[in-house]
Amino acid sequence: MTPSEEGIRLAKRVAADQNCSRREAEALIVAGGVRVADKVVTDPARRVRDEQPVNVNRLVSMAALAPLTLVLFKPADLLANLAWLQNTVGLKAPRPGIWGAERLAKMQQPLPLPKAASGLSIFSDDVGVLRHLEDRRSPMEQEWMATLGGPVPEGLLKALSGPGLRASINRQTDTVTVLRIAGKDIDGLALGQWLDQQCPLQDLRRQRVGRLSLAPMASGEWRQLEGYERF
């Protein structure tokens, strides 16, 4: 079989037809925006012949090429990784092609949550968002809610207060104390371990990153970050 009979990769064909990069062409295909002989093809490696018509849906392509940031309410004792993201988002997305497994597999997770913690989890392929959240020179403020068993030991709030860090009692009963802890560059794993050494830690939840709050999502829910929203 000659090369012309075998055809070329679909991504190469789309890149040439649309005058875009190979990466952009692959994103268009994975998103379900490309039809070959009137059938949607999502495999960029699929080979097409010259005589086969290839059409691109520009509405789908715009969504496919736009940067994507997803925020999720991670339940406690669950590992927030790409497999969890694909299972949570890919199966429930309003337009599965845009959030397909191939694209979700390229998402990165800034400020990852410890497995034991719950709360605001972030995945993004937006270079600007990732750079902003991972900038160690100007760390993003985070807010955590910690549920402890019983009254807090004397001096605990003072130990949690300092430059760039503040803690207060959000709610307290005879059996439970809920602390609100806010500050920059907070390591959730280290915070949880330290709190558990002071008083039995029942729950640790990240409530906010920068200006972006967990509300109104419930545990296990997710949403796409809108273009006007900023951390």
Protein backbone atom coordinates (compact mmCIF):
# COMPACT_ATOMS: atom_id res chain seq x y z
CA MET A 1 0.00 0.00 0.00
CA THR A 2 1.42 3.40 -0.99
CA PRO A 3 1.57 6.33 1.51
CA SER A 4 -1.21 8.13 -0.43
CA GLU A 5 -3.46 5.08 -0.18
CA GLU A 6 -2.70 4.68 3.52
CA GLY A 7 -3.42 8.34 4.24
CA ILE A 8 -2.00 10.72 6.85
CA ARG A 9 -2.69 11.26 10.53
CA LEU A 10 -5.94 13.10 11.16
CA ALA A 11 -4.19 15.62 13.39
CA LYS A 12 -1.79 16.53 10.58
CA ARG A 13 -4.68 16.93 8.13
CA VAL A 14 -6.69 19.15 10.50
CA ALA A 15 -3.63 21.27 11.33
CA ALA A 16 -3.05 21.90 7.63
CA ASP A 17 -6.70 22.56 6.82
CA GLN A 18 -7.29 24.87 9.80
CA ASN A 19 -3.86 26.52 9.74
CA CYS A 20 -3.27 25.67 13.40
CA SER A 21 -0.64 23.81 15.42
CA ARG A 22 -0.64 20.03 15.76
CA ARG A 23 -1.42 20.42 19.46
CA GLU A 24 -4.48 22.56 18.69
CA ALA A 25 -5.59 20.07 16.04
CA GLU A 26 -5.35 17.19 18.52
CA ALA A 27 -7.45 19.17 21.02
CA LEU A 28 -10.12 19.76 18.38
CA ILE A 29 -10.25 16.06 17.54
CA VAL A 30 -10.30 14.83 21.14
CA ALA A 31 -13.14 17.26 21.91
CA GLY A 32 -15.33 15.65 19.27
CA GLY A 33 -15.23 18.64 16.92
CA VAL A 34 -13.98 16.77 13.83
CA ARG A 35 -15.96 14.59 11.45
CA VAL A 36 -14.47 12.27 8.85
CA ALA A 37 -16.95 11.27 6.16
CA ASP A 38 -19.71 12.65 8.42
CA LYS A 39 -18.69 10.52 11.43
CA VAL A 40 -17.15 11.99 14.60
CA VAL A 41 -13.58 10.76 15.10
CA THR A 42 -11.79 11.44 18.40
CA ASP A 43 -8.50 9.65 17.69
CA PRO A 44 -5.82 12.12 16.45
CA ALA A 45 -3.77 9.18 15.11
CA ARG A 46 -6.56 7.97 12.81
CA ARG A 47 -5.31 7.96 9.22
CA VAL A 48 -7.38 9.64 6.52
CA ARG A 49 -7.00 9.65 2.75
CA ASP A 50 -7.03 12.75 0.57
CA GLU A 51 -10.46 12.02 -0.86
CA GLN A 52 -12.12 11.62 2.56
CA PRO A 53 -13.98 14.83 3.62
CA VAL A 54 -12.88 16.26 6.99
CA ASN A 55 -15.11 18.88 8.66
CA VAL A 56 -14.50 20.90 11.83
CA ASN A 57 -17.27 22.20 14.10
CA ARG A 58 -15.98 25.67 15.05
CA LEU A 59 -18.27 25.94 18.09
CA VAL A 60 -16.81 22.77 19.56
CA SER A 61 -13.32 23.84 18.60
CA MET A 62 -13.59 27.11 20.54
CA ALA A 63 -14.55 25.21 23.70
CA ALA A 64 -11.84 22.63 23.11
CA LEU A 65 -9.07 25.21 22.76
CA ALA A 66 -10.17 27.45 25.63
CA PRO A 67 -8.21 26.92 28.89
CA LEU A 68 -10.12 24.79 31.36
CA THR A 69 -10.13 25.00 35.16
CA LEU A 70 -12.31 22.69 37.26
CA VAL A 71 -13.02 23.00 40.97
CA LEU A 72 -14.31 20.06 42.98
CA PHE A 73 -15.45 19.29 46.52
CA LYS A 74 -13.22 16.34 47.39
CA PRO A 75 -14.60 13.99 50.04
CA ALA A 76 -12.31 12.96 52.90
CA ASP A 77 -10.23 9.77 52.66
CA LEU A 78 -10.20 9.88 48.87
CA LEU A 79 -7.11 10.33 46.70
CA ALA A 80 -7.59 13.27 44.35
CA ASN A 81 -5.79 12.12 41.20
CA LEU A 82 -6.49 12.12 37.47
CA ALA A 83 -8.40 8.82 37.64
CA TRP A 84 -10.77 10.34 40.21
CA LEU A 85 -11.12 13.47 38.07
CA GLN A 86 -12.01 11.43 34.99
CA ASN A 87 -14.54 9.32 36.88
CA THR A 88 -16.14 12.33 38.57
CA VAL A 89 -16.18 14.81 35.70
CA GLY A 90 -16.00 12.72 32.54
CA LEU A 91 -19.13 10.73 33.35
CA LYS A 92 -21.23 13.71 34.41
CA ALA A 93 -20.13 16.47 32.05
CA PRO A 94 -22.94 18.15 30.08
CA ARG A 95 -20.85 17.75 26.91
CA PRO A 96 -18.64 14.69 27.47
CA GLY A 97 -16.51 15.34 24.39
CA ILE A 98 -15.14 18.60 25.77
CA TRP A 99 -14.22 16.94 29.05
CA GLY A 100 -13.14 13.62 27.54
CA ALA A 101 -10.64 11.28 29.14
CA GLU A 102 -7.84 12.40 26.82
CA ARG A 103 -8.14 16.05 27.78
CA LEU A 104 -8.72 15.40 31.47
CA ALA A 105 -5.57 13.26 31.53
CA LYS A 106 -3.55 16.41 30.72
CA MET A 107 -4.93 18.44 33.62
CA GLN A 108 -2.61 19.41 36.47
CA GLN A 109 -3.48 19.74 40.15
CA PRO A 110 -2.02 22.79 41.92
CA LEU A 111 -2.08 22.85 45.73
CA PRO A 112 -3.13 19.17 46.06
CA LEU A 113 -5.17 18.11 49.09
CA PRO A 114 -3.99 15.34 51.44
CA LYS A 115 -5.97 12.12 51.09
CA ALA A 116 -7.47 12.44 54.59
CA ALA A 117 -8.64 16.04 54.05
CA SER A 118 -11.78 17.19 52.27
CA GLY A 119 -12.68 20.41 50.51
CA LEU A 120 -11.70 22.57 47.56
CA SER A 121 -9.66 20.70 44.95
CA ILE A 122 -8.45 22.30 41.71
CA PHE A 123 -7.48 20.86 38.33
CA SER A 124 -6.48 23.04 35.38
CA ASP A 125 -4.71 23.17 32.02
CA ASP A 126 -4.65 26.97 32.12
CA VAL A 127 -0.98 27.99 32.25
CA GLY A 128 -1.82 31.33 33.87
CA VAL A 129 -3.89 29.74 36.64
CA LEU A 130 -1.24 27.09 37.35
CA ARG A 131 1.55 29.67 37.49
CA HIS A 132 -0.48 31.91 39.79
CA LEU A 133 -1.40 29.16 42.25
CA GLU A 134 2.07 27.60 42.35
CA ASP A 135 4.05 30.84 42.72
CA ARG A 136 6.15 30.27 45.85
CA ARG A 137 7.18 33.92 45.94
CA SER A 138 3.58 35.02 46.50
CA PRO A 139 1.69 32.05 47.97
CA MET A 140 -2.09 32.02 47.79
CA GLU A 141 -4.06 32.42 51.01
CA GLN A 142 -6.05 29.37 52.04
CA GLU A 143 -8.82 28.94 54.59
CA TRP A 144 -9.29 25.66 56.46
CA MET A 145 -11.95 24.40 58.85
CA ALA A 146 -10.70 21.90 61.43
CA THR A 147 -13.08 19.87 63.59
CA LEU A 148 -11.48 18.71 66.84
CA GLY A 149 -12.87 16.38 69.48
CA GLY A 150 -13.52 18.29 72.70
CA PRO A 151 -12.28 21.70 73.87
CA VAL A 152 -9.01 22.94 72.41
CA PRO A 153 -5.93 22.80 74.65
CA GLU A 154 -4.72 26.02 76.20
CA GLY A 155 -2.33 27.85 73.91
CA LEU A 156 -3.47 26.15 70.71
CA LEU A 157 -4.90 29.29 69.12
CA LYS A 158 -1.79 31.25 70.02
CA ALA A 159 0.40 28.57 68.45
CA LEU A 160 -1.66 28.83 65.26
CA SER A 161 -1.35 32.62 65.09
CA GLY A 162 1.63 34.45 63.67
CA PRO A 163 2.85 36.38 60.63
CA GLY A 164 0.45 35.61 57.81
CA LEU A 165 -1.48 33.06 59.87
CA ARG A 166 -4.57 33.48 62.03
CA ALA A 167 -6.92 31.10 63.82
CA SER A 168 -10.23 31.52 65.60
CA ILE A 169 -12.97 29.37 67.10
CA ASN A 170 -15.83 29.07 64.62
CA ARG A 171 -18.06 26.87 66.77
CA GLN A 172 -17.68 25.08 70.10
CA THR A 173 -19.68 22.59 72.18
CA ASP A 174 -18.78 20.28 75.04
CA THR A 175 -17.68 17.58 72.59
CA VAL A 176 -16.57 19.41 69.45
CA THR A 177 -14.57 22.50 68.53
CA VAL A 178 -14.44 23.84 64.97
CA LEU A 179 -11.47 26.08 64.18
CA ARG A 180 -11.14 28.46 61.29
CA ILE A 181 -7.52 28.72 60.13
CA ALA A 182 -6.43 31.11 57.39
CA GLY A 183 -3.01 31.92 56.04
CA LYS A 184 -0.61 31.74 53.14
CA ASP A 185 1.49 28.74 52.18
CA ILE A 186 -0.38 26.29 54.45
CA ASP A 187 0.61 22.65 54.02
CA GLY A 188 -2.59 20.69 54.63
CA LEU A 189 -0.79 17.44 55.46
CA ALA A 190 1.50 19.07 58.03
CA LEU A 191 -1.39 21.07 59.50
CA GLY A 192 -3.54 17.97 59.92
CA GLN A 193 -0.75 15.97 61.54
CA TRP A 194 0.09 18.78 63.97
CA LEU A 195 -3.54 19.34 64.95
CA ASP A 196 -4.08 15.62 65.53
CA GLN A 197 -1.15 15.61 67.94
CA GLN A 198 -2.73 18.42 69.96
CA CYS A 199 -6.31 17.15 70.03
CA PRO A 200 -8.14 14.32 68.17
CA LEU A 201 -8.76 15.64 64.65
CA GLN A 202 -12.14 14.57 63.30
CA ASP A 203 -12.18 16.49 60.03
CA LEU A 204 -10.00 18.92 58.06
CA ARG A 205 -11.62 20.78 55.17
CA ARG A 206 -10.16 23.39 52.83
CA GLN A 207 -12.87 26.03 52.49
CA ARG A 208 -11.21 28.64 50.30
CA VAL A 209 -8.23 29.31 48.03
CA GLY A 210 -7.67 33.01 47.43
CA ARG A 211 -11.08 34.54 46.67
CA LEU A 212 -12.58 31.26 45.46
CA SER A 213 -14.80 29.52 48.02
CA LEU A 214 -16.03 25.94 48.23
CA ALA A 215 -19.67 27.07 48.43
CA PRO A 216 -22.20 26.31 47.04
CA MET A 217 -20.90 22.85 46.10
CA ALA A 218 -21.70 19.76 48.17
CA SER A 219 -19.32 16.87 48.74
CA GLY A 220 -18.55 15.11 45.45
CA GLU A 221 -19.82 17.96 43.25
CA TRP A 222 -17.78 19.94 40.71
CA ARG A 223 -18.08 22.87 38.35
CA GLN A 224 -16.13 24.67 35.67
CA LEU A 225 -14.54 27.95 36.65
CA GLU A 226 -16.21 30.78 34.73
CA GLY A 227 -14.13 33.24 32.74
CA TYR A 228 -14.86 36.14 35.09
CA GLU A 229 -13.83 34.26 38.26
CA ARG A 230 -10.39 34.87 39.72
CA PHE A 231 -8.47 33.28 42.57
